[in-house]
Amino acid sequence: MPHRQGLPRDAIGCLPNTLEEWIAADNPVRVIDAFVDSLNLGALGFTRVIPADTGCPAYPASCLIKLYLYGYTNGLRASRKLERETQRNIEVMWLLGGLTPDHHTIADFRKEQPAALRAICQQFTQFCKDLELFGGELVAVDGSQFAAVNSRQRNFTIDSVKKRLGYLAAALARYSKELDEHRRRVLSLPSERVADLKTKLEQLGQRRERYQTIQAQLEANKTSQISLTDPDARSMPTGNATMIAYNVQIAVDDKHHLIVAEAVTNEVTDKHQLFPTARAAQETLGVESLEVVADGGYYDGEQVQRCAAHGLTVYVPKPRTSANHKQGLFTKDHFAYDAEQDVYRCPAGQELTYRFSTVEDGRPMRYYAAAVCRTCSLKPRCTRNQGNRRLTRWEYEAISDAMAKRIRDQPERVKLRKQLAEHPFGTFKRGFGFGYFLLKGLVKVAAEVSLMVFAYNFKRAVNILGVLKLLAALREHVSDLLFSARWRLSNLLAMFLNDVQTLFTEFSHSLAKG
């Protein structure tokens, strides 16, 4: 049985006459086209919306927006790759109407309009909310590091600069000593070696000046590290290694695992990211109360207290960081607090009463201590101090205690975090291949993250509703906007006519009196 045979390359075929015939009615590219066409790009902050009267005609903003949304949705984001797609991809040709912008135009558009591109993602998130794709009851917050455009060799900390300056000082002393001994005729060096030593001393001196400049910048800015290629990037721990990266935060809704809110920071840990991310999700969903789950890296009493003050019910397990726990001694968890009597009870049944108050790192703290620790048989298992065991209690620690009780009563809530928040990051890095950034700076990197979030939410929305339902919803959405615009215009016209009539009546009365 012979293999299947293809057509001869010089054969005359009957291809479709128009690009429209190549694109099926349920092709997702139609949703991107309809979505961008439904937006008021000028109100979102895009330039090139209205063409200039003079000069070479520019590519419309809608064309480049559609190209980027299509590219990120299909794992393509490099400007040169997108340029190639405009020349060979039928879907892109249909989407752009045959326009073929070059890679410089494509790259500059993303670099120059980061805030407007973020607004595109927010508009699609709002569209998903209008379609009731968000549950609005529970979200999972998580963070992950994405590599920045900055190598480890171009990142410096105070310690690393001191270490390098020490190495340079030793090398300079060694080469200077060798050259000095040659000059004093202690050593007899060939001319090539002397020339080599002078070159090395000059190069090492230049490197020392460079590191001294970096050291001065670190001390002047009072920062722990500095990156030369991307000043906003930071060295962050990732497992057993470190990488120069940004910390990307997301909040994922429980209903369809769609991303509600996203943010980018260069803070090394997640400790201060719980409230900002959860609050952004709450505002997007438009709800007064919301449950939030996160891992132990987000545990911070002040963040939990701020969440509680805004109607956010948080589930964050407290990490075991006590030195007593590592040594097998009683930790604070072994002591029961009695709120009515304001005392702690230790495992031996003794009371630790309030002694004094103080402020530590801006937080009001209360100190509690027992009076019988010296004679207690459990003291070797309780404390290493010679005196009595002491405990501290934060002013808002009752909120943390209530959260710990919720976690004990509903441990399944905490387990939901992995199911909700880790999958999007896996899709970004493995599915789309977006484990690193192409742009530099927090503002531009945030635009890249928004485009990633759009791609993720777009694919999930297509899988949930299908292309035809999304297109119908977009047409209805546009109709509502047009109706709303006409309604507002008619109201303004009626108000204007009413004001004119009032002025005319007053003018007539004044003439009659005059």
Protein backbone atom coordinates (compact mmCIF):
# COMPACT_ATOMS: atom_id res chain seq x y z
CA MET A 1 0.00 0.00 0.00
CA PRO A 2 1.67 3.28 -1.06
CA HIS A 3 1.96 6.28 1.24
CA ARG A 4 -0.40 9.20 0.89
CA GLN A 5 0.75 11.66 -1.74
CA GLY A 6 0.69 15.44 -1.43
CA LEU A 7 -0.09 17.93 -4.17
CA PRO A 8 2.64 19.02 -6.56
CA ARG A 9 3.97 22.41 -5.56
CA ASP A 10 3.35 23.87 -9.00
CA ALA A 11 -0.23 22.57 -9.16
CA ILE A 12 -3.04 25.11 -9.59
CA GLY A 13 -5.54 24.79 -6.74
CA CYS A 14 -8.81 26.40 -5.74
CA LEU A 15 -8.09 28.13 -2.45
CA PRO A 16 -10.69 30.28 -0.67
CA ASN A 17 -11.03 33.70 -2.22
CA THR A 18 -11.05 35.65 1.09
CA LEU A 19 -9.33 35.43 4.47
CA GLU A 20 -12.78 35.29 6.07
CA GLU A 21 -13.34 31.83 4.56
CA TRP A 22 -10.19 30.51 6.27
CA ILE A 23 -11.38 31.39 9.80
CA ALA A 24 -14.07 29.12 11.24
CA ALA A 25 -17.03 30.63 13.06
CA ASP A 26 -15.86 29.13 16.38
CA ASN A 27 -12.20 30.17 16.06
CA PRO A 28 -11.05 31.91 19.30
CA VAL A 29 -9.32 34.62 17.27
CA ARG A 30 -12.77 36.04 16.56
CA VAL A 31 -13.25 36.70 20.29
CA ILE A 32 -9.99 38.69 20.45
CA ASP A 33 -11.09 40.72 17.44
CA ALA A 34 -14.55 41.44 18.86
CA PHE A 35 -13.21 42.21 22.33
CA VAL A 36 -10.69 44.82 21.14
CA ASP A 37 -13.25 46.38 18.79
CA SER A 38 -15.64 46.78 21.75
CA LEU A 39 -13.17 48.92 23.73
CA ASN A 40 -12.78 52.67 23.89
CA LEU A 41 -9.02 52.67 23.38
CA GLY A 42 -8.64 56.41 23.82
CA ALA A 43 -10.31 56.29 27.24
CA LEU A 44 -7.96 53.45 28.25
CA GLY A 45 -4.95 55.66 27.55
CA PHE A 46 -3.74 54.38 24.17
CA THR A 47 -2.09 56.72 21.69
CA ARG A 48 -2.37 56.43 17.89
CA VAL A 49 -6.12 56.02 18.25
CA ILE A 50 -6.74 59.16 16.16
CA PRO A 51 -4.33 59.40 13.19
CA ALA A 52 -2.25 62.52 12.67
CA ASP A 53 -2.91 64.86 9.76
CA THR A 54 0.69 64.80 8.57
CA GLY A 55 3.55 62.33 8.35
CA CYS A 56 3.67 58.66 7.46
CA PRO A 57 0.45 56.82 8.42
CA ALA A 58 0.92 54.91 11.68
CA TYR A 59 -0.38 51.46 12.47
CA PRO A 60 -3.65 51.68 14.43
CA ALA A 61 -3.42 50.86 18.13
CA SER A 62 -6.13 48.21 17.76
CA CYS A 63 -3.94 46.33 15.27
CA LEU A 64 -0.98 46.06 17.66
CA ILE A 65 -3.21 45.27 20.65
CA LYS A 66 -4.81 42.37 18.77
CA LEU A 67 -1.38 41.12 17.74
CA TYR A 68 -0.11 41.09 21.33
CA LEU A 69 -3.25 39.48 22.75
CA TYR A 70 -3.09 36.77 20.08
CA GLY A 71 0.65 36.30 20.64
CA TYR A 72 0.48 35.93 24.42
CA THR A 73 -2.51 33.61 24.12
CA ASN A 74 -0.48 31.35 21.82
CA GLY A 75 2.83 31.51 23.71
CA LEU A 76 4.40 34.12 21.39
CA ARG A 77 5.62 37.43 22.80
CA ALA A 78 9.00 38.25 21.20
CA SER A 79 8.58 41.07 18.67
CA ARG A 80 10.53 39.25 15.92
CA LYS A 81 8.40 36.13 16.32
CA LEU A 82 5.23 38.21 16.16
CA GLU A 83 6.56 39.93 13.04
CA ARG A 84 7.03 36.55 11.35
CA GLU A 85 3.48 35.51 12.30
CA THR A 86 2.03 38.52 10.47
CA GLN A 87 3.61 37.21 7.26
CA ARG A 88 2.74 33.49 7.47
CA ASN A 89 -0.09 32.93 9.97
CA ILE A 90 -3.56 32.98 8.39
CA GLU A 91 -5.24 33.80 11.73
CA VAL A 92 -2.96 36.81 12.27
CA MET A 93 -3.44 37.96 8.69
CA TRP A 94 -7.21 37.86 9.22
CA LEU A 95 -6.93 39.55 12.61
CA LEU A 96 -4.75 42.42 11.34
CA GLY A 97 -6.35 42.74 7.91
CA GLY A 98 -3.06 41.88 6.22
CA LEU A 99 -1.01 44.56 8.01
CA THR A 100 2.62 43.58 8.67
CA PRO A 101 4.26 45.89 11.25
CA ASP A 102 7.99 45.37 11.74
CA HIS A 103 9.48 44.15 15.00
CA HIS A 104 10.63 47.64 16.04
CA THR A 105 7.09 48.98 15.82
CA ILE A 106 5.76 45.95 17.71
CA ALA A 107 8.36 46.17 20.50
CA ASP A 108 8.05 49.95 20.92
CA PHE A 109 4.27 49.74 21.29
CA ARG A 110 4.50 47.40 24.30
CA LYS A 111 7.38 49.35 25.81
CA GLU A 112 5.73 52.77 25.48
CA GLN A 113 2.19 51.96 26.65
CA PRO A 114 2.41 49.65 29.69
CA ALA A 115 -0.39 51.30 31.70
CA ALA A 116 -2.85 51.09 28.80
CA LEU A 117 -2.01 47.42 28.22
CA ARG A 118 -2.72 46.73 31.88
CA ALA A 119 -6.09 48.40 31.44
CA ILE A 120 -6.87 45.89 28.65
CA CYS A 121 -6.45 43.01 31.10
CA GLN A 122 -8.61 44.77 33.66
CA GLN A 123 -11.33 45.26 31.05
CA PHE A 124 -11.36 41.54 30.24
CA THR A 125 -11.46 40.68 33.94
CA GLN A 126 -14.47 42.98 34.29
CA PHE A 127 -16.06 41.29 31.27
CA CYS A 128 -15.58 37.89 32.97
CA LYS A 129 -17.22 39.31 36.08
CA ASP A 130 -20.19 40.53 34.02
CA LEU A 131 -20.53 36.96 32.69
CA GLU A 132 -20.64 35.70 36.32
CA LEU A 133 -17.52 33.59 35.87
CA PHE A 134 -16.32 34.62 39.35
CA GLY A 135 -17.82 33.14 42.49
CA GLY A 136 -16.79 36.04 44.70
CA GLU A 137 -16.68 33.90 47.85
CA LEU A 138 -13.12 32.55 48.13
CA VAL A 139 -9.79 33.40 46.52
CA ALA A 140 -6.32 31.92 46.86
CA VAL A 141 -3.30 34.24 46.98
CA ASP A 142 0.13 33.07 45.93
CA GLY A 143 3.39 34.41 44.53
CA SER A 144 6.20 33.19 42.31
CA GLN A 145 9.52 34.51 41.04
CA PHE A 146 10.04 35.29 37.35
CA ALA A 147 13.54 35.94 36.03
CA ALA A 148 14.42 39.55 35.21
CA VAL A 149 16.65 40.88 32.43
CA ASN A 150 19.66 40.96 34.76
CA SER A 151 22.37 38.37 35.35
CA ARG A 152 23.74 37.42 38.78
CA GLN A 153 27.07 39.04 37.85
CA ARG A 154 25.27 42.38 37.46
CA ASN A 155 23.64 42.25 40.90
CA PHE A 156 25.50 43.43 43.99
CA THR A 157 24.90 43.47 47.72
CA ILE A 158 26.91 45.23 50.40
CA ASP A 159 28.56 41.96 51.41
CA SER A 160 29.38 40.91 47.84
CA VAL A 161 30.93 44.30 47.06
CA LYS A 162 33.06 44.16 50.22
CA LYS A 163 34.17 40.64 49.30
CA ARG A 164 35.18 41.70 45.80
CA LEU A 165 36.98 44.79 47.08
CA GLY A 166 38.91 42.58 49.49
CA TYR A 167 39.92 40.25 46.67
CA LEU A 168 41.03 43.21 44.53
CA ALA A 169 43.01 44.73 47.39
CA ALA A 170 44.89 41.45 47.89
CA ALA A 171 45.57 41.11 44.16
CA LEU A 172 46.72 44.72 43.85
CA ALA A 173 49.06 44.29 46.84
CA ARG A 174 50.52 41.10 45.38
CA TYR A 175 51.19 42.53 41.92
CA SER A 176 52.45 45.85 43.32
CA LYS A 177 54.91 44.00 45.58
CA GLU A 178 56.24 41.97 42.65
CA LEU A 179 56.68 45.07 40.51
CA ASP A 180 58.29 47.00 43.37
CA GLU A 181 60.80 44.21 43.99
CA HIS A 182 61.72 44.30 40.30
CA ARG A 183 62.30 48.03 40.48
CA ARG A 184 64.51 47.65 43.57
CA ARG A 185 66.43 44.90 41.72
CA VAL A 186 65.36 42.27 44.26
CA LEU A 187 63.81 40.36 41.34
CA SER A 188 64.85 40.28 37.72
CA LEU A 189 61.70 40.06 35.59
CA PRO A 190 61.51 39.91 31.80
CA SER A 191 60.08 42.95 30.04
CA GLU A 192 56.96 40.99 29.02
CA ARG A 193 56.17 40.19 32.65
CA VAL A 194 56.68 43.82 33.69
CA ALA A 195 54.29 45.00 30.96
CA ASP A 196 51.78 42.36 32.02
CA LEU A 197 51.95 43.46 35.66
CA LYS A 198 51.36 47.12 34.72
CA THR A 199 48.33 46.13 32.61
CA LYS A 200 46.88 44.01 35.43
CA LEU A 201 47.38 46.78 37.97
CA GLU A 202 45.58 49.26 35.69
CA GLN A 203 42.68 46.86 35.09
CA LEU A 204 42.35 45.97 38.76
CA GLY A 205 42.40 49.66 39.67
CA GLN A 206 39.54 50.35 37.27
CA ARG A 207 37.54 47.46 38.71
CA ARG A 208 38.18 48.75 42.24
CA GLU A 209 36.89 52.21 41.30
CA ARG A 210 33.80 50.61 39.76
CA TYR A 211 33.04 48.58 42.90
CA GLN A 212 33.71 51.59 45.12
CA THR A 213 31.14 53.55 43.10
CA ILE A 214 28.61 50.73 43.55
CA GLN A 215 29.37 50.62 47.27
CA ALA A 216 28.77 54.36 47.55
CA GLN A 217 25.43 53.99 45.74
CA LEU A 218 24.34 51.22 48.11
CA GLU A 219 25.23 53.29 51.15
CA ALA A 220 23.63 56.46 49.76
CA ASN A 221 20.37 54.75 48.80
CA LYS A 222 20.33 52.71 52.03
CA THR A 223 19.36 49.58 50.07
CA SER A 224 20.56 46.03 50.55
CA GLN A 225 21.26 45.33 46.86
CA ILE A 226 21.51 46.95 43.47
CA SER A 227 21.09 45.63 39.91
CA LEU A 228 22.87 47.35 37.02
CA THR A 229 20.93 46.10 33.98
CA ASP A 230 17.44 46.34 35.49
CA PRO A 231 17.59 48.63 38.55
CA ASP A 232 14.23 47.37 39.89
CA ALA A 233 15.18 43.67 39.85
CA ARG A 234 16.29 41.93 43.05
CA SER A 235 18.08 38.74 44.03
CA MET A 236 15.46 36.33 45.41
CA PRO A 237 15.71 32.84 46.92
CA THR A 238 14.15 30.05 44.85
CA GLY A 239 14.48 26.71 46.60
CA ASN A 240 18.18 25.97 47.06
CA ALA A 241 19.38 28.76 44.74
CA THR A 242 18.83 32.44 44.03
CA MET A 243 17.82 34.31 40.90
CA ILE A 244 17.56 37.94 39.86
CA ALA A 245 13.82 38.25 39.54
CA TYR A 246 10.50 39.92 40.28
CA ASN A 247 7.88 38.62 42.69
CA VAL A 248 4.54 38.12 40.86
CA GLN A 249 1.38 37.99 42.99
CA ILE A 250 -2.02 36.64 41.91
CA ALA A 251 -5.43 36.06 43.48
CA VAL A 252 -7.41 33.17 41.95
CA ASP A 253 -11.18 32.79 42.31
CA ASP A 254 -12.59 29.45 43.48
CA LYS A 255 -15.46 29.09 40.98
CA HIS A 256 -13.63 28.62 37.66
CA HIS A 257 -10.02 29.18 38.77
CA LEU A 258 -9.84 32.52 36.96
CA ILE A 259 -7.33 35.15 38.09
CA VAL A 260 -9.08 38.07 39.77
CA ALA A 261 -6.11 40.35 40.51
CA GLU A 262 -2.40 40.44 39.81
CA ALA A 263 0.54 42.56 40.95
CA VAL A 264 4.32 42.70 40.66
CA THR A 265 6.76 43.67 43.38
CA ASN A 266 10.50 43.47 43.94
CA GLU A 267 10.14 42.57 47.61
CA VAL A 268 12.04 39.38 48.27
CA THR A 269 9.37 37.73 50.47
CA ASP A 270 5.57 37.52 50.42
CA LYS A 271 5.25 38.77 54.00
CA HIS A 272 3.70 42.15 53.09
CA GLN A 273 1.72 41.09 50.01
CA LEU A 274 -1.36 39.45 51.56
CA PHE A 275 -3.52 42.51 52.17
CA PRO A 276 -2.72 44.44 48.93
CA THR A 277 -3.44 41.39 46.74
CA ALA A 278 -6.55 40.27 48.64
CA ARG A 279 -7.90 43.82 48.78
CA ALA A 280 -7.42 44.24 45.02
CA ALA A 281 -9.38 41.02 44.45
CA GLN A 282 -12.14 42.21 46.77
CA GLU A 283 -12.46 45.52 44.92
CA THR A 284 -12.53 43.78 41.54
CA LEU A 285 -15.23 41.36 42.68
CA GLY A 286 -17.19 44.18 44.32
CA VAL A 287 -17.99 42.21 47.49
CA GLU A 288 -17.99 43.31 51.11
CA SER A 289 -16.71 40.00 52.52
CA LEU A 290 -14.32 37.47 51.02
CA GLU A 291 -12.43 34.40 52.23
CA VAL A 292 -8.71 34.33 51.43
CA VAL A 293 -6.31 31.39 51.65
CA ALA A 294 -2.52 31.63 51.39
CA ASP A 295 0.56 29.70 52.50
CA GLY A 296 2.68 30.30 55.58
CA GLY A 297 4.98 32.70 53.74
CA TYR A 298 2.24 35.33 53.95
CA TYR A 299 1.86 35.10 57.73
CA ASP A 300 2.11 38.55 59.29
CA GLY A 301 -0.02 39.79 62.16
CA GLU A 302 -0.44 43.31 60.81
CA GLN A 303 -1.47 42.02 57.37
CA VAL A 304 -4.07 39.72 58.95
CA GLN A 305 -5.38 42.59 61.07
CA ARG A 306 -5.75 44.87 58.03
CA CYS A 307 -7.58 42.11 56.17
CA ALA A 308 -9.99 41.61 59.07
CA ALA A 309 -10.71 45.34 59.18
CA HIS A 310 -11.86 45.21 55.53
CA GLY A 311 -14.08 42.14 55.73
CA LEU A 312 -11.46 39.64 54.51
CA THR A 313 -11.54 36.31 56.35
CA VAL A 314 -8.02 34.95 56.10
CA TYR A 315 -6.68 31.39 56.33
CA VAL A 316 -2.89 31.53 56.65
CA PRO A 317 -1.11 28.82 58.69
CA LYS A 318 1.45 30.14 61.14
CA PRO A 319 4.96 28.88 60.33
CA ARG A 320 6.96 27.26 63.10
CA THR A 321 9.92 29.60 63.50
CA SER A 322 10.43 29.28 67.26
CA ALA A 323 13.90 28.26 68.41
CA ASN A 324 12.25 26.27 71.22
CA HIS A 325 10.42 24.11 68.68
CA LYS A 326 13.68 23.14 67.00
CA GLN A 327 15.11 22.12 70.39
CA GLY A 328 12.04 20.18 71.51
CA LEU A 329 10.96 22.73 74.14
CA PHE A 330 7.50 24.12 74.82
CA THR A 331 6.50 26.85 72.37
CA LYS A 332 3.90 29.56 72.75
CA ASP A 333 1.34 27.19 71.21
CA HIS A 334 1.54 25.05 74.36
CA PHE A 335 0.29 27.97 76.48
CA ALA A 336 -3.48 28.65 76.63
CA TYR A 337 -4.60 32.28 76.79
CA ASP A 338 -7.59 33.21 78.98
CA ALA A 339 -9.03 36.44 77.55
CA GLU A 340 -11.37 37.09 80.50
CA GLN A 341 -8.61 37.00 83.10
CA ASP A 342 -5.87 38.18 80.73
CA VAL A 343 -3.46 35.38 81.70
CA TYR A 344 -1.63 32.52 80.02
CA ARG A 345 -1.68 28.99 81.48
CA CYS A 346 1.38 26.85 80.99
CA PRO A 347 1.49 23.04 80.52
CA ALA A 348 2.07 22.70 84.28
CA GLY A 349 -1.16 24.59 85.05
CA GLN A 350 0.56 27.73 86.34
CA GLU A 351 -0.50 31.25 85.33
CA LEU A 352 1.63 33.77 83.49
CA THR A 353 0.23 37.18 84.44
CA TYR A 354 0.60 40.57 82.77
CA ARG A 355 3.73 42.46 83.84
CA PHE A 356 4.36 45.46 81.55
CA SER A 357 3.81 46.89 78.07
CA THR A 358 6.28 48.13 75.46
CA VAL A 359 6.58 48.90 71.76
CA GLU A 360 8.74 46.70 69.52
CA ASP A 361 9.23 47.59 65.84
CA GLY A 362 6.24 49.91 66.04
CA ARG A 363 3.96 47.21 67.49
CA PRO A 364 2.49 47.54 71.03
CA MET A 365 3.40 44.39 73.00
CA ARG A 366 2.33 43.07 76.43
CA TYR A 367 4.68 40.91 78.51
CA TYR A 368 3.51 38.00 80.68
CA ALA A 369 5.57 35.98 83.16
CA ALA A 370 5.18 33.27 85.80
CA ALA A 371 6.52 33.38 89.36
CA VAL A 372 7.17 29.68 90.10
CA CYS A 373 9.31 28.56 87.16
CA ARG A 374 12.42 28.03 89.30
CA THR A 375 10.79 25.19 91.25
CA CYS A 376 8.75 23.72 88.36
CA SER A 377 9.62 20.14 87.33
CA LEU A 378 8.84 20.96 83.68
CA LYS A 379 11.27 23.87 83.47
CA PRO A 380 13.96 21.85 81.55
CA ARG A 381 11.32 21.28 78.84
CA CYS A 382 10.05 24.86 78.95
CA THR A 383 12.87 27.41 78.88
CA ARG A 384 16.64 27.72 78.78
CA ASN A 385 16.61 30.93 80.83
CA GLN A 386 17.76 30.90 84.42
CA GLY A 387 14.74 32.96 85.48
CA ASN A 388 11.02 32.62 84.78
CA ARG A 389 9.40 31.91 81.43
CA ARG A 390 8.09 35.03 79.67
CA LEU A 391 5.64 35.45 76.78
CA THR A 392 4.74 38.43 74.62
CA ARG A 393 1.32 39.23 73.18
CA TRP A 394 0.57 41.67 70.37
CA GLU A 395 -2.31 44.13 70.69
CA TYR A 396 -4.28 42.44 67.87
CA GLU A 397 -3.19 38.87 68.55
CA ALA A 398 -6.81 37.85 69.17
CA ILE A 399 -7.34 38.13 65.40
CA SER A 400 -4.46 35.71 64.77
CA ASP A 401 -5.85 33.35 67.42
CA ALA A 402 -9.25 33.40 65.72
CA MET A 403 -7.60 32.60 62.39
CA ALA A 404 -5.70 29.67 63.93
CA LYS A 405 -9.01 28.31 65.28
CA ARG A 406 -10.61 28.61 61.81
CA ILE A 407 -7.75 26.63 60.31
CA ARG A 408 -8.09 23.89 62.94
CA ASP A 409 -11.84 23.70 62.34
CA GLN A 410 -11.60 23.82 58.52
CA PRO A 411 -8.24 22.40 57.40
CA GLU A 412 -9.63 21.70 53.92
CA ARG A 413 -9.71 25.45 53.26
CA VAL A 414 -5.93 25.70 53.41
CA LYS A 415 -5.56 22.70 51.09
CA LEU A 416 -7.54 24.55 48.41
CA ARG A 417 -4.63 26.94 47.90
CA LYS A 418 -2.55 24.43 45.93
CA GLN A 419 -5.46 23.54 43.67
CA LEU A 420 -6.25 27.17 42.92
CA ALA A 421 -3.08 29.25 42.94
CA GLU A 422 -0.28 26.96 41.80
CA HIS A 423 -1.88 25.88 38.52
CA PRO A 424 -1.77 29.38 36.90
CA PHE A 425 1.95 29.72 37.62
CA GLY A 426 2.56 26.29 36.11
CA THR A 427 0.64 27.37 33.03
CA PHE A 428 2.64 30.60 32.76
CA LYS A 429 6.01 28.91 33.05
CA ARG A 430 5.45 25.47 31.48
CA GLY A 431 2.44 25.90 29.24
CA PHE A 432 3.20 29.34 27.80
CA GLY A 433 6.97 29.38 28.41
CA PHE A 434 6.76 32.72 30.23
CA GLY A 435 9.17 32.00 33.09
CA TYR A 436 11.13 35.19 32.42
CA PHE A 437 10.48 38.79 31.45
CA LEU A 438 11.49 40.61 28.28
CA LEU A 439 11.13 44.18 29.59
CA LYS A 440 12.91 46.07 32.36
CA GLY A 441 11.44 48.09 35.22
CA LEU A 442 8.47 47.47 37.50
CA VAL A 443 6.00 49.42 35.35
CA LYS A 444 6.81 47.60 32.11
CA VAL A 445 7.09 44.22 33.79
CA ALA A 446 3.61 44.76 35.27
CA ALA A 447 2.28 45.17 31.71
CA GLU A 448 3.83 41.81 30.76
CA VAL A 449 2.16 40.15 33.73
CA SER A 450 -1.21 41.64 32.75
CA LEU A 451 -0.83 40.21 29.25
CA MET A 452 -0.02 36.80 30.77
CA VAL A 453 -3.11 37.02 32.96
CA PHE A 454 -5.23 37.95 29.95
CA ALA A 455 -3.94 34.92 28.05
CA TYR A 456 -4.70 32.61 30.98
CA ASN A 457 -8.19 33.99 31.65
CA PHE A 458 -8.99 34.11 27.94
CA LYS A 459 -8.20 30.43 27.42
CA ARG A 460 -10.22 29.43 30.47
CA ALA A 461 -13.18 31.55 29.41
CA VAL A 462 -13.14 29.94 25.95
CA ASN A 463 -13.04 26.48 27.55
CA ILE A 464 -15.87 27.34 29.95
CA LEU A 465 -18.33 29.11 27.64
CA GLY A 466 -17.10 28.44 24.12
CA VAL A 467 -16.39 30.92 21.34
CA LEU A 468 -19.97 31.39 20.16
CA LYS A 469 -21.31 32.24 23.64
CA LEU A 470 -18.45 34.68 24.22
CA LEU A 471 -19.12 36.38 20.89
CA ALA A 472 -22.83 36.65 21.70
CA ALA A 473 -21.98 38.11 25.12
CA LEU A 474 -19.61 40.64 23.54
CA ARG A 475 -22.28 41.73 21.05
CA GLU A 476 -24.75 42.16 23.91
CA HIS A 477 -22.13 44.02 25.92
CA VAL A 478 -21.50 46.42 23.03
CA SER A 479 -25.25 46.94 22.57
CA ASP A 480 -25.60 47.80 26.26
CA LEU A 481 -22.74 50.28 25.99
CA LEU A 482 -24.27 51.93 22.93
CA PHE A 483 -27.67 52.08 24.63
CA SER A 484 -26.07 53.56 27.75
CA ALA A 485 -24.20 56.12 25.64
CA ARG A 486 -27.39 57.10 23.76
CA TRP A 487 -29.28 57.31 27.06
CA ARG A 488 -26.64 59.59 28.56
CA LEU A 489 -26.61 61.73 25.40
CA SER A 490 -30.41 62.05 25.38
CA ASN A 491 -30.37 63.03 29.06
CA LEU A 492 -27.73 65.67 28.44
CA LEU A 493 -29.72 67.02 25.48
CA ALA A 494 -32.93 67.14 27.56
CA MET A 495 -31.09 68.97 30.37
CA PHE A 496 -29.65 71.42 27.85
CA LEU A 497 -33.07 72.13 26.30
CA ASN A 498 -34.57 72.55 29.75
CA ASP A 499 -31.86 75.07 30.70
CA VAL A 500 -32.41 76.97 27.45
CA GLN A 501 -36.17 77.10 28.08
CA THR A 502 -35.60 78.33 31.65
CA LEU A 503 -33.25 81.08 30.43
CA PHE A 504 -35.71 82.11 27.71
CA THR A 505 -38.58 82.29 30.27
CA GLU A 506 -36.50 84.40 32.65
CA PHE A 507 -35.46 86.67 29.79
CA SER A 508 -39.13 87.11 28.72
CA HIS A 509 -40.15 88.01 32.29
CA SER A 510 -37.35 90.56 32.54
CA LEU A 511 -38.43 92.18 29.26
CA ALA A 512 -42.06 92.34 30.45
CA LYS A 513 -41.02 94.07 33.67
CA GLY A 514 -38.58 96.35 31.95
